[in-house]
């Protein structure tokens, strides 16, 4: 798994993998594979790691997008993540 996205209001999650597969949980609808775009969610530490993370992800042809959130844990921001626009349109 390389990320997580909340499906609002369905009450589920999408879990993308580095090879373009997407796993679903709960009420999230399955749309098929996506392009290789990886969202890096985090706080200031995420910002500091973004360059190295992007370098490693590019080896698989992926593009990374940094989304900085406030909070001490990713679970603190699930509501905010659910309202963010998608990084790509499912095929």
PDB file of N, CA and C in Angstrom:
ATOM      1  N   UNK A   1       0.824  -1.173   0.000  1.00  0.00           N
ATOM      2  CA  UNK A   1       0.000   0.000   0.000  1.00  0.00           C
ATOM      3  C   UNK A   1       0.875   1.245   0.000  1.00  0.00           C
ATOM      4  N   UNK A   2       0.468   2.204  -0.804  1.00  0.00           N
ATOM      5  CA  UNK A   2       1.240   3.448  -0.856  1.00  0.00           C
ATOM      6  C   UNK A   2       0.403   4.658  -0.468  1.00  0.00           C
ATOM      7  N   UNK A   3      -0.846   4.449  -0.113  1.00  0.00           N
ATOM      8  CA  UNK A   3      -1.686   5.571   0.263  1.00  0.00           C
ATOM      9  C   UNK A   3      -3.038   5.114   0.762  1.00  0.00           C
ATOM     10  N   UNK A   4      -3.873   6.094   1.077  1.00  0.00           N
ATOM     11  CA  UNK A   4      -5.237   5.833   1.523  1.00  0.00           C
ATOM     12  C   UNK A   4      -6.085   7.026   1.113  1.00  0.00           C
ATOM     13  N   UNK A   5      -7.292   6.749   0.694  1.00  0.00           N
ATOM     14  CA  UNK A   5      -8.237   7.812   0.363  1.00  0.00           C
ATOM     15  C   UNK A   5      -9.606   7.406   0.886  1.00  0.00           C
ATOM     16  N   UNK A   6     -10.255   8.325   1.561  1.00  0.00           N
ATOM     17  CA  UNK A   6     -11.590   8.056   2.104  1.00  0.00           C
ATOM     18  C   UNK A   6     -12.637   8.267   1.022  1.00  0.00           C
ATOM     19  N   UNK A   7     -13.641   7.403   0.983  1.00  0.00           N
ATOM     20  CA  UNK A   7     -14.753   7.563   0.043  1.00  0.00           C
ATOM     21  C   UNK A   7     -15.927   8.149   0.813  1.00  0.00           C
ATOM     22  N   UNK A   8     -16.197   9.396   0.549  1.00  0.00           N
ATOM     23  CA  UNK A   8     -17.278  10.071   1.257  1.00  0.00           C
ATOM     24  C   UNK A   8     -18.443  10.216   0.305  1.00  0.00           C
ATOM     25  N   UNK A   9     -19.658   9.979   0.657  1.00  0.00           N
ATOM     26  CA  UNK A   9     -20.187   9.563   1.949  1.00  0.00           C
ATOM     27  C   UNK A   9     -20.363   8.056   2.080  1.00  0.00           C
ATOM     28  N   UNK A  10     -19.746   7.276   1.214  1.00  0.00           N
ATOM     29  CA  UNK A  10     -19.955   5.827   1.205  1.00  0.00           C
ATOM     30  C   UNK A  10     -19.423   5.136   2.456  1.00  0.00           C
ATOM     31  N   UNK A  11     -18.506   5.770   3.156  1.00  0.00           N
ATOM     32  CA  UNK A  11     -17.992   5.180   4.384  1.00  0.00           C
ATOM     33  C   UNK A  11     -16.999   4.061   4.158  1.00  0.00           C
ATOM     34  N   UNK A  12     -16.100   4.232   3.224  1.00  0.00           N
ATOM     35  CA  UNK A  12     -15.074   3.230   2.961  1.00  0.00           C
ATOM     36  C   UNK A  12     -13.771   3.902   2.598  1.00  0.00           C
ATOM     37  N   UNK A  13     -12.810   3.099   2.128  1.00  0.00           N
ATOM     38  CA  UNK A  13     -11.487   3.619   1.782  1.00  0.00           C
ATOM     39  C   UNK A  13     -10.961   2.927   0.540  1.00  0.00           C
ATOM     40  N   UNK A  14     -10.117   3.649  -0.205  1.00  0.00           N
ATOM     41  CA  UNK A  14      -9.351   3.075  -1.306  1.00  0.00           C
ATOM     42  C   UNK A  14      -7.902   3.001  -0.861  1.00  0.00           C
ATOM     43  N   UNK A  15      -7.243   1.888  -1.154  1.00  0.00           N
ATOM     44  CA  UNK A  15      -5.846   1.676  -0.813  1.00  0.00           C
ATOM     45  C   UNK A  15      -5.077   1.380  -2.102  1.00  0.00           C
ATOM     46  N   UNK A  16      -4.380   2.374  -2.691  1.00  0.00           N
ATOM     47  CA  UNK A  16      -3.622   2.119  -3.921  1.00  0.00           C
ATOM     48  C   UNK A  16      -2.279   1.454  -3.619  1.00  0.00           C
ATOM     49  N   UNK A  17      -1.803   0.686  -4.568  1.00  0.00           N
ATOM     50  CA  UNK A  17      -0.492   0.049  -4.460  1.00  0.00           C
ATOM     51  C   UNK A  17       0.444   0.666  -5.489  1.00  0.00           C
ATOM     52  N   UNK A  18       1.724   0.457  -5.344  1.00  0.00           N
ATOM     53  CA  UNK A  18       2.714   1.051  -6.240  1.00  0.00           C
ATOM     54  C   UNK A  18       2.580   0.554  -7.674  1.00  0.00           C
ATOM     55  N   UNK A  19       2.008  -0.619  -7.870  1.00  0.00           N
ATOM     56  CA  UNK A  19       1.877  -1.151  -9.226  1.00  0.00           C
ATOM     57  C   UNK A  19       0.552  -0.791  -9.887  1.00  0.00           C
ATOM     58  N   UNK A  20      -0.213   0.131  -9.292  1.00  0.00           N
ATOM     59  CA  UNK A  20      -1.434   0.621  -9.926  1.00  0.00           C
ATOM     60  C   UNK A  20      -2.710  -0.073  -9.521  1.00  0.00           C
ATOM     61  N   UNK A  21      -2.617  -1.102  -8.682  1.00  0.00           N
ATOM     62  CA  UNK A  21      -3.832  -1.764  -8.215  1.00  0.00           C
ATOM     63  C   UNK A  21      -4.473  -0.941  -7.104  1.00  0.00           C
ATOM     64  N   UNK A  22      -5.779  -1.115  -6.927  1.00  0.00           N
ATOM     65  CA  UNK A  22      -6.504  -0.410  -5.873  1.00  0.00           C
ATOM     66  C   UNK A  22      -7.353  -1.421  -5.113  1.00  0.00           C
ATOM     67  N   UNK A  23      -7.156  -1.465  -3.821  1.00  0.00           N
ATOM     68  CA  UNK A  23      -7.976  -2.310  -2.964  1.00  0.00           C
ATOM     69  C   UNK A  23      -9.012  -1.438  -2.281  1.00  0.00           C
ATOM     70  N   UNK A  24     -10.193  -1.982  -2.059  1.00  0.00           N
ATOM     71  CA  UNK A  24     -11.262  -1.214  -1.432  1.00  0.00           C
ATOM     72  C   UNK A  24     -11.628  -1.822  -0.084  1.00  0.00           C
ATOM     73  N   UNK A  25     -12.199  -0.978   0.765  1.00  0.00           N
ATOM     74  CA  UNK A  25     -12.657  -1.404   2.076  1.00  0.00           C
ATOM     75  C   UNK A  25     -13.959  -0.680   2.372  1.00  0.00           C
ATOM     76  N   UNK A  26     -14.894  -1.386   2.995  1.00  0.00           N
ATOM     77  CA  UNK A  26     -16.166  -0.757   3.371  1.00  0.00           C
ATOM     78  C   UNK A  26     -17.006  -0.410   2.152  1.00  0.00           C
ATOM     79  N   UNK A  27     -17.560   0.783   2.132  1.00  0.00           N
ATOM     80  CA  UNK A  27     -18.461   1.196   1.067  1.00  0.00           C
ATOM     81  C   UNK A  27     -17.791   1.804  -0.143  1.00  0.00           C
ATOM     82  N   UNK A  28     -16.475   1.793  -0.213  1.00  0.00           N
ATOM     83  CA  UNK A  28     -15.770   2.377  -1.357  1.00  0.00           C
ATOM     84  C   UNK A  28     -16.036   1.557  -2.612  1.00  0.00           C
ATOM     85  N   UNK A  29     -16.404   2.234  -3.693  1.00  0.00           N
ATOM     86  CA  UNK A  29     -16.679   1.562  -4.967  1.00  0.00           C
ATOM     87  C   UNK A  29     -15.364   1.271  -5.689  1.00  0.00           C
ATOM     88  N   UNK A  30     -15.279   0.087  -6.299  1.00  0.00           N
ATOM     89  CA  UNK A  30     -14.088  -0.286  -7.057  1.00  0.00           C
ATOM     90  C   UNK A  30     -14.213   0.242  -8.478  1.00  0.00           C
ATOM     91  N   UNK A  31     -13.216   1.038  -8.928  1.00  0.00           N
ATOM     92  CA  UNK A  31     -13.226   1.617 -10.273  1.00  0.00           C
ATOM     93  C   UNK A  31     -12.160   1.007 -11.173  1.00  0.00           C
ATOM     94  N   UNK A  32     -11.332   0.140 -10.663  1.00  0.00           N
ATOM     95  CA  UNK A  32     -10.246  -0.426 -11.450  1.00  0.00           C
ATOM     96  C   UNK A  32      -8.925   0.229 -11.101  1.00  0.00           C
ATOM     97  N   UNK A  33      -7.903  -0.051 -11.875  1.00  0.00           N
ATOM     98  CA  UNK A  33      -6.568   0.479 -11.621  1.00  0.00           C
ATOM     99  C   UNK A  33      -6.512   1.975 -11.919  1.00  0.00           C
ATOM    100  N   UNK A  34      -5.595   2.658 -11.291  1.00  0.00           N
ATOM    101  CA  UNK A  34      -5.409   4.088 -11.513  1.00  0.00           C
ATOM    102  C   UNK A  34      -4.026   4.342 -12.080  1.00  0.00           C
ATOM    103  N   UNK A  35      -3.804   5.560 -12.538  1.00  0.00           N
ATOM    104  CA  UNK A  35      -2.465   5.914 -12.989  1.00  0.00           C
ATOM    105  C   UNK A  35      -1.530   5.938 -11.782  1.00  0.00           C
ATOM    106  N   UNK A  36      -0.266   5.960 -12.033  1.00  0.00           N
ATOM    107  CA  UNK A  36       0.700   5.891 -10.942  1.00  0.00           C
ATOM    108  C   UNK A  36       0.925   7.278 -10.328  1.00  0.00           C
ATOM    109  N   UNK A  37      -0.020   7.668  -9.497  1.00  0.00           N
ATOM    110  CA  UNK A  37       0.087   8.901  -8.725  1.00  0.00           C
ATOM    111  C   UNK A  37       0.005   8.506  -7.265  1.00  0.00           C
ATOM    112  N   UNK A  38       0.997   8.908  -6.487  1.00  0.00           N
ATOM    113  CA  UNK A  38       1.052   8.552  -5.080  1.00  0.00           C
ATOM    114  C   UNK A  38       0.938   9.822  -4.254  1.00  0.00           C
ATOM    115  N   UNK A  39      -0.018   9.842  -3.341  1.00  0.00           N
ATOM    116  CA  UNK A  39      -0.170  10.978  -2.431  1.00  0.00           C
ATOM    117  C   UNK A  39       0.621  10.699  -1.167  1.00  0.00           C
ATOM    118  N   UNK A  40       1.450  11.650  -0.792  1.00  0.00           N
ATOM    119  CA  UNK A  40       2.198  11.561   0.453  1.00  0.00           C
ATOM    120  C   UNK A  40       1.530  12.514   1.434  1.00  0.00           C
ATOM    121  N   UNK A  41       0.808  11.950   2.395  1.00  0.00           N
ATOM    122  CA  UNK A  41       0.141  12.746   3.414  1.00  0.00           C
ATOM    123  C   UNK A  41       1.046  12.834   4.627  1.00  0.00           C
ATOM    124  N   UNK A  42       1.101  13.997   5.232  1.00  0.00           N
ATOM    125  CA  UNK A  42       1.902  14.117   6.430  1.00  0.00           C
ATOM    126  C   UNK A  42       1.934  15.540   6.954  1.00  0.00           C
ATOM    127  N   UNK A  43       2.712  15.733   7.992  1.00  0.00           N
ATOM    128  CA  UNK A  43       2.891  17.052   8.578  1.00  0.00           C
ATOM    129  C   UNK A  43       4.239  17.592   8.095  1.00  0.00           C
ATOM    130  N   UNK A  44       4.913  18.362   8.921  1.00  0.00           N
ATOM    131  CA  UNK A  44       6.196  18.921   8.505  1.00  0.00           C
ATOM    132  C   UNK A  44       7.226  17.828   8.215  1.00  0.00           C
ATOM    133  N   UNK A  45       7.116  16.682   8.885  1.00  0.00           N
ATOM    134  CA  UNK A  45       8.032  15.575   8.591  1.00  0.00           C
ATOM    135  C   UNK A  45       7.780  15.028   7.199  1.00  0.00           C
ATOM    136  N   UNK A  46       6.520  15.026   6.777  1.00  0.00           N
ATOM    137  CA  UNK A  46       6.197  14.619   5.414  1.00  0.00           C
ATOM    138  C   UNK A  46       6.855  15.538   4.401  1.00  0.00           C
ATOM    139  N   UNK A  47       6.862  16.832   4.692  1.00  0.00           N
ATOM    140  CA  UNK A  47       7.518  17.797   3.811  1.00  0.00           C
ATOM    141  C   UNK A  47       9.012  17.516   3.706  1.00  0.00           C
ATOM    142  N   UNK A  48       9.615  17.182   4.830  1.00  0.00           N
ATOM    143  CA  UNK A  48      11.047  16.912   4.844  1.00  0.00           C
ATOM    144  C   UNK A  48      11.382  15.621   4.101  1.00  0.00           C
ATOM    145  N   UNK A  49      10.473  14.656   4.099  1.00  0.00           N
ATOM    146  CA  UNK A  49      10.723  13.368   3.453  1.00  0.00           C
ATOM    147  C   UNK A  49      10.312  13.349   1.984  1.00  0.00           C
ATOM    148  N   UNK A  50       9.601  14.380   1.535  1.00  0.00           N
ATOM    149  CA  UNK A  50       9.000  14.370   0.201  1.00  0.00           C
ATOM    150  C   UNK A  50      10.016  14.159  -0.917  1.00  0.00           C
ATOM    151  N   UNK A  51      11.143  14.824  -0.860  1.00  0.00           N
ATOM    152  CA  UNK A  51      12.128  14.699  -1.937  1.00  0.00           C
ATOM    153  C   UNK A  51      12.652  13.269  -2.053  1.00  0.00           C
ATOM    154  N   UNK A  52      13.024  12.668  -0.930  1.00  0.00           N
ATOM    155  CA  UNK A  52      13.524  11.292  -0.951  1.00  0.00           C
ATOM    156  C   UNK A  52      12.431  10.322  -1.365  1.00  0.00           C
ATOM    157  N   UNK A  53      11.217  10.516  -0.858  1.00  0.00           N
ATOM    158  CA  UNK A  53      10.091   9.652  -1.210  1.00  0.00           C
ATOM    159  C   UNK A  53       9.819   9.726  -2.708  1.00  0.00           C
ATOM    160  N   UNK A  54       9.798  10.940  -3.259  1.00  0.00           N
ATOM    161  CA  UNK A  54       9.546  11.120  -4.690  1.00  0.00           C
ATOM    162  C   UNK A  54      10.615  10.454  -5.531  1.00  0.00           C
ATOM    163  N   UNK A  55      11.878  10.546  -5.082  1.00  0.00           N
ATOM    164  CA  UNK A  55      12.979   9.910  -5.803  1.00  0.00           C
ATOM    165  C   UNK A  55      12.781   8.400  -5.867  1.00  0.00           C
ATOM    166  N   UNK A  56      12.431   7.794  -4.738  1.00  0.00           N
ATOM    167  CA  UNK A  56      12.236   6.345  -4.713  1.00  0.00           C
ATOM    168  C   UNK A  56      11.007   5.931  -5.518  1.00  0.00           C
ATOM    169  N   UNK A  57       9.920   6.694  -5.437  1.00  0.00           N
ATOM    170  CA  UNK A  57       8.699   6.349  -6.169  1.00  0.00           C
ATOM    171  C   UNK A  57       8.897   6.485  -7.675  1.00  0.00           C
ATOM    172  N   UNK A  58       9.745   7.407  -8.095  1.00  0.00           N
ATOM    173  CA  UNK A  58       9.956   7.618  -9.527  1.00  0.00           C
ATOM    174  C   UNK A  58      10.597   6.402 -10.200  1.00  0.00           C
ATOM    175  N   UNK A  59      11.249   5.549  -9.423  1.00  0.00           N
ATOM    176  CA  UNK A  59      11.856   4.336  -9.977  1.00  0.00           C
ATOM    177  C   UNK A  59      10.803   3.423 -10.585  1.00  0.00           C
ATOM    178  N   UNK A  60       9.561   3.502 -10.098  1.00  0.00           N
ATOM    179  CA  UNK A  60       8.482   2.686 -10.654  1.00  0.00           C
ATOM    180  C   UNK A  60       7.637   3.480 -11.641  1.00  0.00           C
ATOM    181  N   UNK A  61       8.082   4.685 -11.984  1.00  0.00           N
ATOM    182  CA  UNK A  61       7.340   5.518 -12.920  1.00  0.00           C
ATOM    183  C   UNK A  61       6.215   6.304 -12.274  1.00  0.00           C
ATOM    184  N   UNK A  62       6.199   6.371 -10.960  1.00  0.00           N
ATOM    185  CA  UNK A  62       5.123   7.063 -10.258  1.00  0.00           C
ATOM    186  C   UNK A  62       5.454   8.536 -10.057  1.00  0.00           C
ATOM    187  N   UNK A  63       4.405   9.327  -9.970  1.00  0.00           N
ATOM    188  CA  UNK A  63       4.500  10.737  -9.626  1.00  0.00           C
ATOM    189  C   UNK A  63       3.949  10.899  -8.225  1.00  0.00           C
ATOM    190  N   UNK A  64       4.594  11.711  -7.412  1.00  0.00           N
ATOM    191  CA  UNK A  64       4.105  11.913  -6.054  1.00  0.00           C
ATOM    192  C   UNK A  64       3.545  13.319  -5.886  1.00  0.00           C
ATOM    193  N   UNK A  65       2.554  13.416  -5.024  1.00  0.00           N
ATOM    194  CA  UNK A  65       1.935  14.687  -4.674  1.00  0.00           C
ATOM    195  C   UNK A  65       1.961  14.785  -3.157  1.00  0.00           C
ATOM    196  N   UNK A  66       2.511  15.861  -2.640  1.00  0.00           N
ATOM    197  CA  UNK A  66       2.575  16.061  -1.199  1.00  0.00           C
ATOM    198  C   UNK A  66       1.331  16.802  -0.732  1.00  0.00           C
ATOM    199  N   UNK A  67       0.669  16.248   0.258  1.00  0.00           N
ATOM    200  CA  UNK A  67      -0.481  16.897   0.880  1.00  0.00           C
ATOM    201  C   UNK A  67      -0.175  17.024   2.371  1.00  0.00           C
ATOM    202  N   UNK A  68       0.146  18.241   2.779  1.00  0.00           N
ATOM    203  CA  UNK A  68       0.524  18.499   4.165  1.00  0.00           C
ATOM    204  C   UNK A  68      -0.721  18.741   5.002  1.00  0.00           C
ATOM    205  N   UNK A  69      -0.815  18.024   6.100  1.00  0.00           N
ATOM    206  CA  UNK A  69      -1.944  18.140   7.020  1.00  0.00           C
ATOM    207  C   UNK A  69      -1.411  18.427   8.415  1.00  0.00           C
ATOM    208  N   UNK A  70      -2.229  19.051   9.230  1.00  0.00           N
ATOM    209  CA  UNK A  70      -1.833  19.299  10.612  1.00  0.00           C
ATOM    210  C   UNK A  70      -2.359  18.176  11.485  1.00  0.00           C
ATOM    211  N   UNK A  71      -1.668  17.892  12.561  1.00  0.00           N
ATOM    212  CA  UNK A  71      -2.078  16.823  13.464  1.00  0.00           C
ATOM    213  C   UNK A  71      -0.905  15.926  13.785  1.00  0.00           C
ATOM    214  N   UNK A  72      -1.052  15.157  14.801  1.00  0.00           N
ATOM    215  CA  UNK A  72       0.050  14.304  15.218  1.00  0.00           C
ATOM    216  C   UNK A  72      -0.053  12.890  14.663  1.00  0.00           C
ATOM    217  N   UNK A  73      -1.183  12.534  14.116  1.00  0.00           N
ATOM    218  CA  UNK A  73      -1.357  11.196  13.548  1.00  0.00           C
ATOM    219  C   UNK A  73      -2.268  11.283  12.327  1.00  0.00           C
ATOM    220  N   UNK A  74      -2.039  10.410  11.363  1.00  0.00           N
ATOM    221  CA  UNK A  74      -2.826  10.441  10.129  1.00  0.00           C
ATOM    222  C   UNK A  74      -4.317  10.272  10.406  1.00  0.00           C
ATOM    223  N   UNK A  75      -4.661   9.511  11.438  1.00  0.00           N
ATOM    224  CA  UNK A  75      -6.076   9.308  11.746  1.00  0.00           C
ATOM    225  C   UNK A  75      -6.747  10.591  12.216  1.00  0.00           C
ATOM    226  N   UNK A  76      -5.962  11.580  12.667  1.00  0.00           N
ATOM    227  CA  UNK A  76      -6.531  12.868  13.061  1.00  0.00           C
ATOM    228  C   UNK A  76      -7.103  13.617  11.868  1.00  0.00           C
ATOM    229  N   UNK A  77      -6.649  13.280  10.662  1.00  0.00           N
ATOM    230  CA  UNK A  77      -7.010  14.046   9.472  1.00  0.00           C
ATOM    231  C   UNK A  77      -7.853  13.288   8.461  1.00  0.00           C
ATOM    232  N   UNK A  78      -8.436  12.161   8.828  1.00  0.00           N
ATOM    233  CA  UNK A  78      -9.227  11.391   7.860  1.00  0.00           C
ATOM    234  C   UNK A  78     -10.403  12.200   7.325  1.00  0.00           C
ATOM    235  N   UNK A  79     -11.028  13.015   8.179  1.00  0.00           N
ATOM    236  CA  UNK A  79     -12.127  13.857   7.718  1.00  0.00           C
ATOM    237  C   UNK A  79     -11.678  14.870   6.675  1.00  0.00           C
ATOM    238  N   UNK A  80     -10.522  15.477   6.899  1.00  0.00           N
ATOM    239  CA  UNK A  80      -9.960  16.436   5.943  1.00  0.00           C
ATOM    240  C   UNK A  80      -9.595  15.736   4.641  1.00  0.00           C
ATOM    241  N   UNK A  81      -8.997  14.565   4.746  1.00  0.00           N
ATOM    242  CA  UNK A  81      -8.610  13.818   3.552  1.00  0.00           C
ATOM    243  C   UNK A  81      -9.825  13.471   2.699  1.00  0.00           C
ATOM    244  N   UNK A  82     -10.954  13.193   3.336  1.00  0.00           N
ATOM    245  CA  UNK A  82     -12.166  12.824   2.610  1.00  0.00           C
ATOM    246  C   UNK A  82     -12.710  13.979   1.775  1.00  0.00           C
ATOM    247  N   UNK A  83     -12.423  15.206   2.165  1.00  0.00           N
ATOM    248  CA  UNK A  83     -12.942  16.369   1.434  1.00  0.00           C
ATOM    249  C   UNK A  83     -11.995  16.872   0.372  1.00  0.00           C
ATOM    250  N   UNK A  84     -10.768  16.328   0.287  1.00  0.00           N
ATOM    251  CA  UNK A  84      -9.804  16.762  -0.707  1.00  0.00           C
ATOM    252  C   UNK A  84     -10.177  16.223  -2.083  1.00  0.00           C
ATOM    253  N   UNK A  85      -9.914  17.004  -3.136  1.00  0.00           N
ATOM    254  CA  UNK A  85     -10.226  16.505  -4.479  1.00  0.00           C
ATOM    255  C   UNK A  85      -9.332  15.319  -4.822  1.00  0.00           C
ATOM    256  N   UNK A  86      -9.822  14.411  -5.664  1.00  0.00           N
ATOM    257  CA  UNK A  86      -9.009  13.248  -6.038  1.00  0.00           C
ATOM    258  C   UNK A  86      -7.793  13.671  -6.831  1.00  0.00           C
ATOM    259  N   UNK A  87      -6.755  12.838  -6.784  1.00  0.00           N
ATOM    260  CA  UNK A  87      -5.538  13.118  -7.519  1.00  0.00           C
ATOM    261  C   UNK A  87      -5.648  12.754  -8.988  1.00  0.00           C
ATOM    262  N   UNK A  88      -6.553  11.835  -9.291  1.00  0.00           N
ATOM    263  CA  UNK A  88      -6.723  11.423 -10.676  1.00  0.00           C
ATOM    264  C   UNK A  88      -8.147  10.902 -10.839  1.00  0.00           C
ATOM    265  N   UNK A  89      -8.551  10.753 -12.086  1.00  0.00           N
ATOM    266  CA  UNK A  89      -9.873  10.217 -12.373  1.00  0.00           C
ATOM    267  C   UNK A  89      -9.746   8.737 -12.642  1.00  0.00           C
ATOM    268  N   UNK A  90     -10.516   7.894 -11.932  1.00  0.00           N
ATOM    269  CA  UNK A  90     -10.436   6.442 -12.178  1.00  0.00           C
ATOM    270  C   UNK A  90     -10.747   6.119 -13.626  1.00  0.00           C
ATOM    271  N   UNK A  91     -10.056   5.103 -14.135  1.00  0.00           N
ATOM    272  CA  UNK A  91     -10.284   4.682 -15.532  1.00  0.00           C
ATOM    273  C   UNK A  91     -11.501   3.800 -15.632  1.00  0.00           C
TER     274      UNK A  91
END
